[in-house]
Amino acid sequence: MVPEGATRAHHRTSVAPALARIVFADMAHAKHKVTVPRPIGEVYDFLADGLNDPKWRPDVIEVHLESGAASTVGAVYAQTMKGPGGRPIKGDYRITLADVPNRLDFQVIAGPARPIGSFELVKLSSTSTEVSFTLDLVPKGLMKLMGSMIAKQVESEAAAIQRVPEAMAS
């Protein structure tokens, strides 16, 4: 699939089960899906509470609510993540959309990378929810020279959604 306005020469496509990744010269994109054996409301609440991030995102060292009301539009979570070489980096983010219990969007506002992300939730049954996690990053400055490394990091972050069922079970 070639996005509107792009030509085949501008991107590579790699497709695997439950995964689609497109790397553009000016953008990294990753999307992963997982089925969580929990009601949609519980899954949404778990994902919307940034304090749960270390439970399913292995690169998150620490996170706390910096400002705003937890899990609502405008809430800012300050987080420290493992960066290159294990050095700590900032990865603060703001919730930009909270469509309970169907969608949650955020924008990273501090740190070397500033991706936007989205969780889309679909009720499969009263006890099962499908979650799609999408991340998009437009590299700026010197980051443009590290395209494949950036794409791998975006891919790794999106793939972490596979850890949510286990994190919610514990």
C-alpha atoms as a PDB file:
ATOM      1  CA  MET A   1       0.000   0.000   0.000  1.00  0.00           C
ATOM      2  CA  VAL A   2       1.440   3.347  -1.018  1.00  0.00           C
ATOM      3  CA  PRO A   3       0.207   6.292   1.066  1.00  0.00           C
ATOM      4  CA  GLU A   4      -1.447   9.165  -0.767  1.00  0.00           C
ATOM      5  CA  GLY A   5       1.132  11.477  -2.297  1.00  0.00           C
ATOM      6  CA  ALA A   6       3.986   8.945  -2.067  1.00  0.00           C
ATOM      7  CA  THR A   7       5.528   6.845  -4.785  1.00  0.00           C
ATOM      8  CA  ARG A   8       7.025   3.377  -4.506  1.00  0.00           C
ATOM      9  CA  ALA A   9      10.513   4.873  -4.792  1.00  0.00           C
ATOM     10  CA  HIS A  10       9.944   6.767  -1.536  1.00  0.00           C
ATOM     11  CA  HIS A  11       9.390   3.836   0.794  1.00  0.00           C
ATOM     12  CA  ARG A  12       9.992   0.209   1.720  1.00  0.00           C
ATOM     13  CA  THR A  13       7.259  -2.058   2.949  1.00  0.00           C
ATOM     14  CA  SER A  14       7.585  -5.095   5.205  1.00  0.00           C
ATOM     15  CA  VAL A  15       4.500  -7.099   6.174  1.00  0.00           C
ATOM     16  CA  ALA A  16       4.257  -9.898   8.763  1.00  0.00           C
ATOM     17  CA  PRO A  17       1.298 -11.338  10.715  1.00  0.00           C
ATOM     18  CA  ALA A  18      -0.290  -8.741  13.000  1.00  0.00           C
ATOM     19  CA  LEU A  19       2.337  -6.217  11.899  1.00  0.00           C
ATOM     20  CA  ALA A  20       2.820  -3.632   9.200  1.00  0.00           C
ATOM     21  CA  ARG A  21       5.797  -1.303   8.966  1.00  0.00           C
ATOM     22  CA  ILE A  22       6.546   1.378   6.442  1.00  0.00           C
ATOM     23  CA  VAL A  23       9.749   3.388   6.515  1.00  0.00           C
ATOM     24  CA  PHE A  24       9.753   6.632   4.551  1.00  0.00           C
ATOM     25  CA  ALA A  25      12.743   8.830   3.993  1.00  0.00           C
ATOM     26  CA  ASP A  26      11.057  11.352   6.283  1.00  0.00           C
ATOM     27  CA  MET A  27       8.922   9.137   8.568  1.00  0.00           C
ATOM     28  CA  ALA A  28       8.989   5.921  10.579  1.00  0.00           C
ATOM     29  CA  HIS A  29       5.667   4.117  11.118  1.00  0.00           C
ATOM     30  CA  ALA A  30       4.832   0.953  13.032  1.00  0.00           C
ATOM     31  CA  LYS A  31       1.554  -0.710  13.963  1.00  0.00           C
ATOM     32  CA  HIS A  32       0.969  -3.809  16.075  1.00  0.00           C
ATOM     33  CA  LYS A  33      -2.188  -5.546  17.284  1.00  0.00           C
ATOM     34  CA  VAL A  34      -2.862  -7.760  20.269  1.00  0.00           C
ATOM     35  CA  THR A  35      -5.931  -9.413  21.769  1.00  0.00           C
ATOM     36  CA  VAL A  36      -6.266  -8.856  25.504  1.00  0.00           C
ATOM     37  CA  PRO A  37      -8.546 -11.237  27.449  1.00  0.00           C
ATOM     38  CA  ARG A  38     -10.161  -8.396  29.410  1.00  0.00           C
ATOM     39  CA  PRO A  39     -13.189  -6.123  28.961  1.00  0.00           C
ATOM     40  CA  ILE A  40     -12.584  -3.056  26.800  1.00  0.00           C
ATOM     41  CA  GLY A  41     -13.044  -0.617  29.715  1.00  0.00           C
ATOM     42  CA  GLU A  42     -10.376  -2.319  31.817  1.00  0.00           C
ATOM     43  CA  VAL A  43      -7.917  -2.368  28.910  1.00  0.00           C
ATOM     44  CA  TYR A  44      -8.551   1.299  28.129  1.00  0.00           C
ATOM     45  CA  ASP A  45      -8.074   2.293  31.781  1.00  0.00           C
ATOM     46  CA  PHE A  46      -4.815   0.311  31.967  1.00  0.00           C
ATOM     47  CA  LEU A  47      -3.378   1.962  28.844  1.00  0.00           C
ATOM     48  CA  ALA A  48      -4.620   5.451  29.733  1.00  0.00           C
ATOM     49  CA  ASP A  49      -2.876   5.353  33.120  1.00  0.00           C
ATOM     50  CA  GLY A  50       0.721   6.186  32.239  1.00  0.00           C
ATOM     51  CA  LEU A  51       1.860   4.807  35.588  1.00  0.00           C
ATOM     52  CA  ASN A  52       1.303   1.339  34.074  1.00  0.00           C
ATOM     53  CA  ASP A  53       3.856   1.921  31.282  1.00  0.00           C
ATOM     54  CA  PRO A  54       6.793   0.245  33.083  1.00  0.00           C
ATOM     55  CA  LYS A  55       4.679  -2.917  33.436  1.00  0.00           C
ATOM     56  CA  TRP A  56       4.594  -3.502  29.674  1.00  0.00           C
ATOM     57  CA  ARG A  57       7.217  -1.200  28.124  1.00  0.00           C
ATOM     58  CA  PRO A  58      10.681  -2.531  29.049  1.00  0.00           C
ATOM     59  CA  ASP A  59      12.509   0.688  28.145  1.00  0.00           C
ATOM     60  CA  VAL A  60      10.547   2.807  30.636  1.00  0.00           C
ATOM     61  CA  ILE A  61      12.601   3.318  33.788  1.00  0.00           C
ATOM     62  CA  GLU A  62      10.304   5.691  35.669  1.00  0.00           C
ATOM     63  CA  VAL A  63       7.084   7.615  35.036  1.00  0.00           C
ATOM     64  CA  HIS A  64       4.877   9.972  37.016  1.00  0.00           C
ATOM     65  CA  LEU A  65       1.952  12.312  36.357  1.00  0.00           C
ATOM     66  CA  GLU A  66       3.500  15.751  35.849  1.00  0.00           C
ATOM     67  CA  SER A  67       0.350  17.818  35.290  1.00  0.00           C
ATOM     68  CA  GLY A  68      -3.335  17.590  34.482  1.00  0.00           C
ATOM     69  CA  ALA A  69      -5.904  15.016  35.500  1.00  0.00           C
ATOM     70  CA  ALA A  70      -4.710  11.422  35.091  1.00  0.00           C
ATOM     71  CA  SER A  71      -5.794   9.651  31.904  1.00  0.00           C
ATOM     72  CA  THR A  72      -7.496  12.724  30.395  1.00  0.00           C
ATOM     73  CA  VAL A  73      -6.755  15.055  27.488  1.00  0.00           C
ATOM     74  CA  GLY A  74      -3.949  17.407  28.471  1.00  0.00           C
ATOM     75  CA  ALA A  75      -2.462  15.115  31.125  1.00  0.00           C
ATOM     76  CA  VAL A  76       1.335  15.148  30.946  1.00  0.00           C
ATOM     77  CA  TYR A  77       3.345  12.148  32.091  1.00  0.00           C
ATOM     78  CA  ALA A  78       7.067  12.669  32.747  1.00  0.00           C
ATOM     79  CA  GLN A  79       8.988   9.535  31.924  1.00  0.00           C
ATOM     80  CA  THR A  80      12.597   8.446  31.897  1.00  0.00           C
ATOM     81  CA  MET A  81      13.547   5.805  29.365  1.00  0.00           C
ATOM     82  CA  LYS A  82      16.601   3.733  28.484  1.00  0.00           C
ATOM     83  CA  GLY A  83      18.331   5.479  25.618  1.00  0.00           C
ATOM     84  CA  PRO A  84      21.304   4.536  23.465  1.00  0.00           C
ATOM     85  CA  GLY A  85      23.912   2.685  25.490  1.00  0.00           C
ATOM     86  CA  GLY A  86      21.462   2.417  28.384  1.00  0.00           C
ATOM     87  CA  ARG A  87      21.754   6.125  29.184  1.00  0.00           C
ATOM     88  CA  PRO A  88      18.574   7.658  30.614  1.00  0.00           C
ATOM     89  CA  ILE A  89      16.632   9.989  28.299  1.00  0.00           C
ATOM     90  CA  LYS A  90      13.429  11.962  28.704  1.00  0.00           C
ATOM     91  CA  GLY A  91      10.284  10.776  26.955  1.00  0.00           C
ATOM     92  CA  ASP A  92       7.560  12.974  28.473  1.00  0.00           C
ATOM     93  CA  TYR A  93       4.210  12.798  26.707  1.00  0.00           C
ATOM     94  CA  ARG A  94       0.810  14.505  26.632  1.00  0.00           C
ATOM     95  CA  ILE A  95      -2.539  12.802  26.055  1.00  0.00           C
ATOM     96  CA  THR A  96      -4.100  14.489  23.010  1.00  0.00           C
ATOM     97  CA  LEU A  97      -7.297  12.447  22.560  1.00  0.00           C
ATOM     98  CA  ALA A  98      -9.273  10.364  25.045  1.00  0.00           C
ATOM     99  CA  ASP A  99     -12.287   8.735  23.380  1.00  0.00           C
ATOM    100  CA  VAL A 100     -13.225   6.367  26.224  1.00  0.00           C
ATOM    101  CA  PRO A 101     -13.073   3.353  25.709  1.00  0.00           C
ATOM    102  CA  ASN A 102     -12.217   3.288  21.993  1.00  0.00           C
ATOM    103  CA  ARG A 103      -9.176   5.444  21.335  1.00  0.00           C
ATOM    104  CA  LEU A 104      -6.302   7.133  23.159  1.00  0.00           C
ATOM    105  CA  ASP A 105      -3.752   9.355  21.382  1.00  0.00           C
ATOM    106  CA  PHE A 106      -0.577  10.951  22.691  1.00  0.00           C
ATOM    107  CA  GLN A 107       2.334  13.148  21.609  1.00  0.00           C
ATOM    108  CA  VAL A 108       5.848  12.864  23.032  1.00  0.00           C
ATOM    109  CA  ILE A 109       6.861  16.391  24.092  1.00  0.00           C
ATOM    110  CA  ALA A 110      10.364  15.938  25.562  1.00  0.00           C
ATOM    111  CA  GLY A 111      13.399  13.944  24.580  1.00  0.00           C
ATOM    112  CA  PRO A 112      15.346  13.308  21.409  1.00  0.00           C
ATOM    113  CA  ALA A 113      12.423  11.675  19.539  1.00  0.00           C
ATOM    114  CA  ARG A 114       8.908  13.136  19.412  1.00  0.00           C
ATOM    115  CA  PRO A 115       6.582  10.473  17.992  1.00  0.00           C
ATOM    116  CA  ILE A 116       2.814  10.549  18.024  1.00  0.00           C
ATOM    117  CA  GLY A 117       0.957   7.425  19.043  1.00  0.00           C
ATOM    118  CA  SER A 118      -2.508   5.967  19.112  1.00  0.00           C
ATOM    119  CA  PHE A 119      -4.225   3.062  20.839  1.00  0.00           C
ATOM    120  CA  GLU A 120      -7.383   1.894  19.078  1.00  0.00           C
ATOM    121  CA  LEU A 121      -9.520  -0.581  21.036  1.00  0.00           C
ATOM    122  CA  VAL A 122     -12.244  -2.856  19.650  1.00  0.00           C
ATOM    123  CA  LYS A 123     -14.572  -4.906  21.831  1.00  0.00           C
ATOM    124  CA  LEU A 124     -14.440  -8.499  20.585  1.00  0.00           C
ATOM    125  CA  SER A 125     -16.660  -9.845  23.360  1.00  0.00           C
ATOM    126  CA  SER A 126     -17.563  -8.915  26.920  1.00  0.00           C
ATOM    127  CA  THR A 127     -14.206 -10.341  28.041  1.00  0.00           C
ATOM    128  CA  SER A 128     -11.924  -9.731  25.052  1.00  0.00           C
ATOM    129  CA  THR A 129     -10.474  -6.597  23.442  1.00  0.00           C
ATOM    130  CA  GLU A 130      -8.326  -6.045  20.364  1.00  0.00           C
ATOM    131  CA  VAL A 131      -5.766  -3.245  20.718  1.00  0.00           C
ATOM    132  CA  SER A 132      -3.936  -1.650  17.793  1.00  0.00           C
ATOM    133  CA  PHE A 133      -0.917   0.464  18.758  1.00  0.00           C
ATOM    134  CA  THR A 134       0.391   2.837  16.098  1.00  0.00           C
ATOM    135  CA  LEU A 135       3.501   5.013  16.325  1.00  0.00           C
ATOM    136  CA  ASP A 136       4.637   7.631  13.819  1.00  0.00           C
ATOM    137  CA  LEU A 137       7.874   9.581  14.006  1.00  0.00           C
ATOM    138  CA  VAL A 138       9.166  12.274  11.701  1.00  0.00           C
ATOM    139  CA  PRO A 139      12.909  12.485  12.396  1.00  0.00           C
ATOM    140  CA  LYS A 140      14.378  15.975  12.626  1.00  0.00           C
ATOM    141  CA  GLY A 141      17.941  17.248  12.307  1.00  0.00           C
ATOM    142  CA  LEU A 142      20.654  14.632  12.683  1.00  0.00           C
ATOM    143  CA  MET A 143      18.033  11.957  13.424  1.00  0.00           C
ATOM    144  CA  LYS A 144      17.299  11.920   9.670  1.00  0.00           C
ATOM    145  CA  LEU A 145      20.719  10.333   9.151  1.00  0.00           C
ATOM    146  CA  MET A 146      19.799   7.420  11.451  1.00  0.00           C
ATOM    147  CA  GLY A 147      16.729   6.267   9.527  1.00  0.00           C
ATOM    148  CA  SER A 148      17.069   2.516  10.006  1.00  0.00           C
ATOM    149  CA  MET A 149      17.967   2.841  13.708  1.00  0.00           C
ATOM    150  CA  ILE A 150      14.964   5.138  14.251  1.00  0.00           C
ATOM    151  CA  ALA A 151      12.684   2.726  12.386  1.00  0.00           C
ATOM    152  CA  LYS A 152      13.876  -0.190  14.547  1.00  0.00           C
ATOM    153  CA  GLN A 153      13.204   1.773  17.749  1.00  0.00           C
ATOM    154  CA  VAL A 154       9.704   2.781  16.598  1.00  0.00           C
ATOM    155  CA  GLU A 155       9.066  -0.851  15.671  1.00  0.00           C
ATOM    156  CA  SER A 156      10.297  -2.078  19.067  1.00  0.00           C
ATOM    157  CA  GLU A 157       8.127   0.401  20.956  1.00  0.00           C
ATOM    158  CA  ALA A 158       4.991  -0.560  19.008  1.00  0.00           C
ATOM    159  CA  ALA A 159       5.739  -4.284  19.394  1.00  0.00           C
ATOM    160  CA  ALA A 160       5.739  -3.878  23.185  1.00  0.00           C
ATOM    161  CA  ILE A 161       1.923  -3.879  23.020  1.00  0.00           C
ATOM    162  CA  GLN A 162       2.262  -7.687  22.910  1.00  0.00           C
ATOM    163  CA  ARG A 163       3.213  -7.530  26.611  1.00  0.00           C
ATOM    164  CA  VAL A 164      -0.082  -5.967  27.755  1.00  0.00           C
ATOM    165  CA  PRO A 165      -2.034  -9.231  28.302  1.00  0.00           C
ATOM    166  CA  GLU A 166       0.686 -10.570  30.638  1.00  0.00           C
ATOM    167  CA  ALA A 167       1.065  -7.205  32.386  1.00  0.00           C
ATOM    168  CA  MET A 168      -2.683  -7.031  33.062  1.00  0.00           C
ATOM    169  CA  ALA A 169      -2.728 -10.621  34.350  1.00  0.00           C
ATOM    170  CA  SER A 170      -0.211  -9.908  37.104  1.00  0.00           C
END
